[in-house]
Amino acid sequence: MKNFSNASFAPDVIAAMTAALGAAIATLPEPLHSGHVDVLAQSILRTASSGERDVSVLQRIALMELSLAGRMT
């Protein structure tokens, strides 16, 4: 996972990222793979770092990146 140790987010952004991750995970079939969750989380962190705050946009981008990552493996 990319190092986000120096990242700092306001509480409202953390809430948006948490909601986006939860919503994205809820769309995945069981059993859940930790690698998929990592891809989603990294995408959401990266997208939020670039300034995006909309939960649905964060979720959609993360799911698109997960889809693309699956095609590359």
PDB file of N, CA and C in Angstrom:
ATOM      1  N   MET A   1       0.849  -1.177   0.000  1.00  0.00           N
ATOM      2  CA  MET A   1       0.000   0.000   0.000  1.00  0.00           C
ATOM      3  C   MET A   1       0.890   1.234   0.000  1.00  0.00           C
ATOM      4  N   LYS A   2       0.496   2.209  -0.765  1.00  0.00           N
ATOM      5  CA  LYS A   2       1.222   3.467  -0.810  1.00  0.00           C
ATOM      6  C   LYS A   2       1.259   4.079   0.582  1.00  0.00           C
ATOM      7  N   ASN A   3       2.334   4.774   0.889  1.00  0.00           N
ATOM      8  CA  ASN A   3       2.498   5.372   2.205  1.00  0.00           C
ATOM      9  C   ASN A   3       1.695   6.670   2.294  1.00  0.00           C
ATOM     10  N   PHE A   4       0.662   6.659   3.110  1.00  0.00           N
ATOM     11  CA  PHE A   4      -0.148   7.845   3.344  1.00  0.00           C
ATOM     12  C   PHE A   4       0.073   8.376   4.751  1.00  0.00           C
ATOM     13  N   SER A   5       1.227   8.060   5.353  1.00  0.00           N
ATOM     14  CA  SER A   5       1.471   8.434   6.747  1.00  0.00           C
ATOM     15  C   SER A   5       1.513   9.942   6.956  1.00  0.00           C
ATOM     16  N   ASN A   6       1.827  10.714   5.940  1.00  0.00           N
ATOM     17  CA  ASN A   6       1.860  12.169   6.077  1.00  0.00           C
ATOM     18  C   ASN A   6       0.560  12.828   5.645  1.00  0.00           C
ATOM     19  N   ALA A   7      -0.414  12.030   5.239  1.00  0.00           N
ATOM     20  CA  ALA A   7      -1.696  12.589   4.807  1.00  0.00           C
ATOM     21  C   ALA A   7      -2.485  13.076   6.015  1.00  0.00           C
ATOM     22  N   SER A   8      -3.198  14.144   5.807  1.00  0.00           N
ATOM     23  CA  SER A   8      -4.025  14.709   6.864  1.00  0.00           C
ATOM     24  C   SER A   8      -5.367  15.092   6.255  1.00  0.00           C
ATOM     25  N   PHE A   9      -6.438  14.631   6.884  1.00  0.00           N
ATOM     26  CA  PHE A   9      -7.778  14.897   6.383  1.00  0.00           C
ATOM     27  C   PHE A   9      -8.653  15.443   7.499  1.00  0.00           C
ATOM     28  N   ALA A  10      -9.529  16.358   7.134  1.00  0.00           N
ATOM     29  CA  ALA A  10     -10.498  16.907   8.085  1.00  0.00           C
ATOM     30  C   ALA A  10     -11.522  15.820   8.424  1.00  0.00           C
ATOM     31  N   PRO A  11     -12.159  15.946   9.577  1.00  0.00           N
ATOM     32  CA  PRO A  11     -13.142  14.936   9.979  1.00  0.00           C
ATOM     33  C   PRO A  11     -14.248  14.698   8.947  1.00  0.00           C
ATOM     34  N   ASP A  12     -14.709  15.730   8.264  1.00  0.00           N
ATOM     35  CA  ASP A  12     -15.763  15.536   7.264  1.00  0.00           C
ATOM     36  C   ASP A  12     -15.254  14.749   6.062  1.00  0.00           C
ATOM     37  N   VAL A  13     -13.988  14.904   5.726  1.00  0.00           N
ATOM     38  CA  VAL A  13     -13.405  14.151   4.617  1.00  0.00           C
ATOM     39  C   VAL A  13     -13.228  12.691   5.022  1.00  0.00           C
ATOM     40  N   ILE A  14     -12.816  12.472   6.256  1.00  0.00           N
ATOM     41  CA  ILE A  14     -12.682  11.096   6.755  1.00  0.00           C
ATOM     42  C   ILE A  14     -14.040  10.412   6.744  1.00  0.00           C
ATOM     43  N   ALA A  15     -15.073  11.136   7.122  1.00  0.00           N
ATOM     44  CA  ALA A  15     -16.427  10.568   7.092  1.00  0.00           C
ATOM     45  C   ALA A  15     -16.838  10.214   5.664  1.00  0.00           C
ATOM     46  N   ALA A  16     -16.523  11.074   4.714  1.00  0.00           N
ATOM     47  CA  ALA A  16     -16.843  10.799   3.311  1.00  0.00           C
ATOM     48  C   ALA A  16     -16.072   9.592   2.801  1.00  0.00           C
ATOM     49  N   MET A  17     -14.793   9.507   3.137  1.00  0.00           N
ATOM     50  CA  MET A  17     -13.983   8.366   2.697  1.00  0.00           C
ATOM     51  C   MET A  17     -14.495   7.069   3.316  1.00  0.00           C
ATOM     52  N   THR A  18     -14.860   7.111   4.586  1.00  0.00           N
ATOM     53  CA  THR A  18     -15.393   5.928   5.268  1.00  0.00           C
ATOM     54  C   THR A  18     -16.693   5.475   4.624  1.00  0.00           C
ATOM     55  N   ALA A  19     -17.567   6.430   4.334  1.00  0.00           N
ATOM     56  CA  ALA A  19     -18.838   6.093   3.687  1.00  0.00           C
ATOM     57  C   ALA A  19     -18.607   5.506   2.298  1.00  0.00           C
ATOM     58  N   ALA A  20     -17.688   6.080   1.549  1.00  0.00           N
ATOM     59  CA  ALA A  20     -17.389   5.589   0.200  1.00  0.00           C
ATOM     60  C   ALA A  20     -16.824   4.182   0.247  1.00  0.00           C
ATOM     61  N   LEU A  21     -15.920   3.926   1.186  1.00  0.00           N
ATOM     62  CA  LEU A  21     -15.337   2.593   1.302  1.00  0.00           C
ATOM     63  C   LEU A  21     -16.410   1.578   1.693  1.00  0.00           C
ATOM     64  N   GLY A  22     -17.245   1.924   2.648  1.00  0.00           N
ATOM     65  CA  GLY A  22     -18.315   1.016   3.063  1.00  0.00           C
ATOM     66  C   GLY A  22     -19.275   0.715   1.926  1.00  0.00           C
ATOM     67  N   ALA A  23     -19.640   1.746   1.174  1.00  0.00           N
ATOM     68  CA  ALA A  23     -20.555   1.556   0.046  1.00  0.00           C
ATOM     69  C   ALA A  23     -19.920   0.705  -1.048  1.00  0.00           C
ATOM     70  N   ALA A  24     -18.636   0.933  -1.306  1.00  0.00           N
ATOM     71  CA  ALA A  24     -17.945   0.146  -2.333  1.00  0.00           C
ATOM     72  C   ALA A  24     -17.822  -1.317  -1.908  1.00  0.00           C
ATOM     73  N   ILE A  25     -17.468  -1.550  -0.663  1.00  0.00           N
ATOM     74  CA  ILE A  25     -17.340  -2.919  -0.158  1.00  0.00           C
ATOM     75  C   ILE A  25     -18.680  -3.638  -0.225  1.00  0.00           C
ATOM     76  N   ALA A  26     -19.755  -2.916   0.059  1.00  0.00           N
ATOM     77  CA  ALA A  26     -21.090  -3.521   0.058  1.00  0.00           C
ATOM     78  C   ALA A  26     -21.492  -4.046  -1.322  1.00  0.00           C
ATOM     79  N   THR A  27     -20.852  -3.550  -2.377  1.00  0.00           N
ATOM     80  CA  THR A  27     -21.196  -4.016  -3.725  1.00  0.00           C
ATOM     81  C   THR A  27     -20.414  -5.260  -4.130  1.00  0.00           C
ATOM     82  N   LEU A  28     -19.393  -5.615  -3.359  1.00  0.00           N
ATOM     83  CA  LEU A  28     -18.549  -6.758  -3.719  1.00  0.00           C
ATOM     84  C   LEU A  28     -19.186  -8.070  -3.287  1.00  0.00           C
ATOM     85  N   PRO A  29     -18.998  -9.118  -4.092  1.00  0.00           N
ATOM     86  CA  PRO A  29     -19.541 -10.428  -3.714  1.00  0.00           C
ATOM     87  C   PRO A  29     -18.716 -11.057  -2.590  1.00  0.00           C
ATOM     88  N   GLU A  30     -19.364 -11.922  -1.870  1.00  0.00           N
ATOM     89  CA  GLU A  30     -18.674 -12.701  -0.831  1.00  0.00           C
ATOM     90  C   GLU A  30     -17.961 -13.863  -1.502  1.00  0.00           C
ATOM     91  N   PRO A  31     -16.884 -14.380  -1.021  1.00  0.00           N
ATOM     92  CA  PRO A  31     -16.128 -13.872   0.114  1.00  0.00           C
ATOM     93  C   PRO A  31     -15.304 -12.653  -0.297  1.00  0.00           C
ATOM     94  N   LEU A  32     -15.131 -11.769   0.642  1.00  0.00           N
ATOM     95  CA  LEU A  32     -14.386 -10.539   0.414  1.00  0.00           C
ATOM     96  C   LEU A  32     -12.887 -10.832   0.448  1.00  0.00           C
ATOM     97  N   HIS A  33     -12.139 -10.262  -0.476  1.00  0.00           N
ATOM     98  CA  HIS A  33     -10.695 -10.451  -0.516  1.00  0.00           C
ATOM     99  C   HIS A  33     -10.011  -9.188  -0.007  1.00  0.00           C
ATOM    100  N   SER A  34      -9.041  -9.362   0.864  1.00  0.00           N
ATOM    101  CA  SER A  34      -8.358  -8.200   1.448  1.00  0.00           C
ATOM    102  C   SER A  34      -7.652  -7.366   0.384  1.00  0.00           C
ATOM    103  N   GLY A  35      -7.192  -7.999  -0.676  1.00  0.00           N
ATOM    104  CA  GLY A  35      -6.548  -7.264  -1.763  1.00  0.00           C
ATOM    105  C   GLY A  35      -7.511  -6.301  -2.442  1.00  0.00           C
ATOM    106  N   HIS A  36      -8.770  -6.715  -2.565  1.00  0.00           N
ATOM    107  CA  HIS A  36      -9.778  -5.836  -3.161  1.00  0.00           C
ATOM    108  C   HIS A  36     -10.037  -4.634  -2.262  1.00  0.00           C
ATOM    109  N   VAL A  37     -10.119  -4.876  -0.968  1.00  0.00           N
ATOM    110  CA  VAL A  37     -10.340  -3.785  -0.017  1.00  0.00           C
ATOM    111  C   VAL A  37      -9.161  -2.822  -0.051  1.00  0.00           C
ATOM    112  N   ASP A  38      -7.949  -3.351  -0.164  1.00  0.00           N
ATOM    113  CA  ASP A  38      -6.756  -2.492  -0.259  1.00  0.00           C
ATOM    114  C   ASP A  38      -6.815  -1.594  -1.487  1.00  0.00           C
ATOM    115  N   VAL A  39      -7.192  -2.163  -2.630  1.00  0.00           N
ATOM    116  CA  VAL A  39      -7.298  -1.365  -3.861  1.00  0.00           C
ATOM    117  C   VAL A  39      -8.332  -0.259  -3.686  1.00  0.00           C
ATOM    118  N   LEU A  40      -9.478  -0.603  -3.123  1.00  0.00           N
ATOM    119  CA  LEU A  40     -10.521   0.393  -2.893  1.00  0.00           C
ATOM    120  C   LEU A  40     -10.035   1.499  -1.969  1.00  0.00           C
ATOM    121  N   ALA A  41      -9.418   1.109  -0.854  1.00  0.00           N
ATOM    122  CA  ALA A  41      -8.951   2.090   0.128  1.00  0.00           C
ATOM    123  C   ALA A  41      -7.886   3.012  -0.456  1.00  0.00           C
ATOM    124  N   GLN A  42      -6.936   2.439  -1.180  1.00  0.00           N
ATOM    125  CA  GLN A  42      -5.883   3.261  -1.790  1.00  0.00           C
ATOM    126  C   GLN A  42      -6.473   4.245  -2.792  1.00  0.00           C
ATOM    127  N   SER A  43      -7.417   3.779  -3.584  1.00  0.00           N
ATOM    128  CA  SER A  43      -8.052   4.650  -4.562  1.00  0.00           C
ATOM    129  C   SER A  43      -8.770   5.802  -3.882  1.00  0.00           C
ATOM    130  N   ILE A  44      -9.525   5.485  -2.831  1.00  0.00           N
ATOM    131  CA  ILE A  44     -10.272   6.520  -2.120  1.00  0.00           C
ATOM    132  C   ILE A  44      -9.319   7.520  -1.476  1.00  0.00           C
ATOM    133  N   LEU A  45      -8.251   7.052  -0.859  1.00  0.00           N
ATOM    134  CA  LEU A  45      -7.258   7.957  -0.271  1.00  0.00           C
ATOM    135  C   LEU A  45      -6.630   8.856  -1.334  1.00  0.00           C
ATOM    136  N   ARG A  46      -6.256   8.260  -2.450  1.00  0.00           N
ATOM    137  CA  ARG A  46      -5.625   9.014  -3.531  1.00  0.00           C
ATOM    138  C   ARG A  46      -6.582  10.058  -4.112  1.00  0.00           C
ATOM    139  N   THR A  47      -7.825   9.650  -4.338  1.00  0.00           N
ATOM    140  CA  THR A  47      -8.814  10.545  -4.927  1.00  0.00           C
ATOM    141  C   THR A  47      -9.171  11.672  -3.964  1.00  0.00           C
ATOM    142  N   ALA A  48      -9.319  11.346  -2.696  1.00  0.00           N
ATOM    143  CA  ALA A  48      -9.611  12.378  -1.692  1.00  0.00           C
ATOM    144  C   ALA A  48      -8.422  13.333  -1.539  1.00  0.00           C
ATOM    145  N   SER A  49      -7.213  12.811  -1.664  1.00  0.00           N
ATOM    146  CA  SER A  49      -6.017  13.664  -1.583  1.00  0.00           C
ATOM    147  C   SER A  49      -5.978  14.681  -2.706  1.00  0.00           C
ATOM    148  N   SER A  50      -6.605  14.334  -3.834  1.00  0.00           N
ATOM    149  CA  SER A  50      -6.619  15.259  -4.968  1.00  0.00           C
ATOM    150  C   SER A  50      -7.751  16.276  -4.868  1.00  0.00           C
ATOM    151  N   GLY A  51      -8.579  16.157  -3.815  1.00  0.00           N
ATOM    152  CA  GLY A  51      -9.604  17.162  -3.575  1.00  0.00           C
ATOM    153  C   GLY A  51     -11.046  16.712  -3.715  1.00  0.00           C
ATOM    154  N   GLU A  52     -11.268  15.487  -4.173  1.00  0.00           N
ATOM    155  CA  GLU A  52     -12.643  15.015  -4.339  1.00  0.00           C
ATOM    156  C   GLU A  52     -13.268  14.748  -2.974  1.00  0.00           C
ATOM    157  N   ARG A  53     -14.530  15.173  -2.805  1.00  0.00           N
ATOM    158  CA  ARG A  53     -15.217  14.998  -1.529  1.00  0.00           C
ATOM    159  C   ARG A  53     -16.563  14.292  -1.650  1.00  0.00           C
ATOM    160  N   ASP A  54     -17.048  14.098  -2.855  1.00  0.00           N
ATOM    161  CA  ASP A  54     -18.351  13.483  -3.070  1.00  0.00           C
ATOM    162  C   ASP A  54     -18.254  11.975  -2.860  1.00  0.00           C
ATOM    163  N   VAL A  55     -19.056  11.458  -1.929  1.00  0.00           N
ATOM    164  CA  VAL A  55     -19.002  10.041  -1.573  1.00  0.00           C
ATOM    165  C   VAL A  55     -19.249   9.153  -2.788  1.00  0.00           C
ATOM    166  N   SER A  56     -20.238   9.481  -3.592  1.00  0.00           N
ATOM    167  CA  SER A  56     -20.551   8.627  -4.741  1.00  0.00           C
ATOM    168  C   SER A  56     -19.439   8.649  -5.784  1.00  0.00           C
ATOM    169  N   VAL A  57     -18.784   9.770  -5.941  1.00  0.00           N
ATOM    170  CA  VAL A  57     -17.657   9.850  -6.883  1.00  0.00           C
ATOM    171  C   VAL A  57     -16.485   9.036  -6.358  1.00  0.00           C
ATOM    172  N   LEU A  58     -16.186   9.175  -5.070  1.00  0.00           N
ATOM    173  CA  LEU A  58     -15.104   8.390  -4.464  1.00  0.00           C
ATOM    174  C   LEU A  58     -15.374   6.893  -4.635  1.00  0.00           C
ATOM    175  N   GLN A  59     -16.605   6.491  -4.399  1.00  0.00           N
ATOM    176  CA  GLN A  59     -16.982   5.089  -4.539  1.00  0.00           C
ATOM    177  C   GLN A  59     -16.839   4.624  -5.983  1.00  0.00           C
ATOM    178  N   ARG A  60     -17.388   5.385  -6.926  1.00  0.00           N
ATOM    179  CA  ARG A  60     -17.341   4.989  -8.345  1.00  0.00           C
ATOM    180  C   ARG A  60     -15.912   4.853  -8.855  1.00  0.00           C
ATOM    181  N   ILE A  61     -15.069   5.822  -8.518  1.00  0.00           N
ATOM    182  CA  ILE A  61     -13.677   5.766  -8.985  1.00  0.00           C
ATOM    183  C   ILE A  61     -12.973   4.546  -8.402  1.00  0.00           C
ATOM    184  N   ALA A  62     -13.202   4.284  -7.117  1.00  0.00           N
ATOM    185  CA  ALA A  62     -12.568   3.132  -6.472  1.00  0.00           C
ATOM    186  C   ALA A  62     -13.015   1.829  -7.143  1.00  0.00           C
ATOM    187  N   LEU A  63     -14.306   1.703  -7.423  1.00  0.00           N
ATOM    188  CA  LEU A  63     -14.799   0.485  -8.068  1.00  0.00           C
ATOM    189  C   LEU A  63     -14.278   0.351  -9.493  1.00  0.00           C
ATOM    190  N   MET A  64     -14.139   1.465 -10.196  1.00  0.00           N
ATOM    191  CA  MET A  64     -13.563   1.413 -11.547  1.00  0.00           C
ATOM    192  C   MET A  64     -12.103   0.969 -11.483  1.00  0.00           C
ATOM    193  N   GLU A  65     -11.349   1.506 -10.531  1.00  0.00           N
ATOM    194  CA  GLU A  65      -9.947   1.099 -10.404  1.00  0.00           C
ATOM    195  C   GLU A  65      -9.840  -0.370 -10.037  1.00  0.00           C
ATOM    196  N   LEU A  66     -10.729  -0.855  -9.174  1.00  0.00           N
ATOM    197  CA  LEU A  66     -10.722  -2.270  -8.823  1.00  0.00           C
ATOM    198  C   LEU A  66     -11.015  -3.122 -10.051  1.00  0.00           C
ATOM    199  N   SER A  67     -11.966  -2.695 -10.847  1.00  0.00           N
ATOM    200  CA  SER A  67     -12.301  -3.415 -12.071  1.00  0.00           C
ATOM    201  C   SER A  67     -11.119  -3.474 -13.015  1.00  0.00           C
ATOM    202  N   LEU A  68     -10.456  -2.335 -13.180  1.00  0.00           N
ATOM    203  CA  LEU A  68      -9.274  -2.302 -14.058  1.00  0.00           C
ATOM    204  C   LEU A  68      -8.147  -3.138 -13.509  1.00  0.00           C
ATOM    205  N   ALA A  69      -7.941  -3.124 -12.200  1.00  0.00           N
ATOM    206  CA  ALA A  69      -6.881  -3.928 -11.587  1.00  0.00           C
ATOM    207  C   ALA A  69      -7.137  -5.407 -11.810  1.00  0.00           C
ATOM    208  N   GLY A  70      -8.408  -5.813 -11.763  1.00  0.00           N
ATOM    209  CA  GLY A  70      -8.753  -7.210 -11.984  1.00  0.00           C
ATOM    210  C   GLY A  70      -8.473  -7.658 -13.400  1.00  0.00           C
ATOM    211  N   ARG A  71      -8.588  -6.762 -14.346  1.00  0.00           N
ATOM    212  CA  ARG A  71      -8.324  -7.093 -15.740  1.00  0.00           C
ATOM    213  C   ARG A  71      -6.844  -7.201 -16.025  1.00  0.00           C
ATOM    214  N   MET A  72      -6.049  -6.591 -15.181  1.00  0.00           N
ATOM    215  CA  MET A  72      -4.597  -6.588 -15.406  1.00  0.00           C
ATOM    216  C   MET A  72      -3.932  -7.810 -14.798  1.00  0.00           C
ATOM    217  N   THR A  73      -4.659  -8.552 -13.957  1.00  0.00           N
ATOM    218  CA  THR A  73      -4.035  -9.714 -13.308  1.00  0.00           C
ATOM    219  C   THR A  73      -4.349 -10.992 -14.023  1.00  0.00           C
TER     220      THR A  73
END
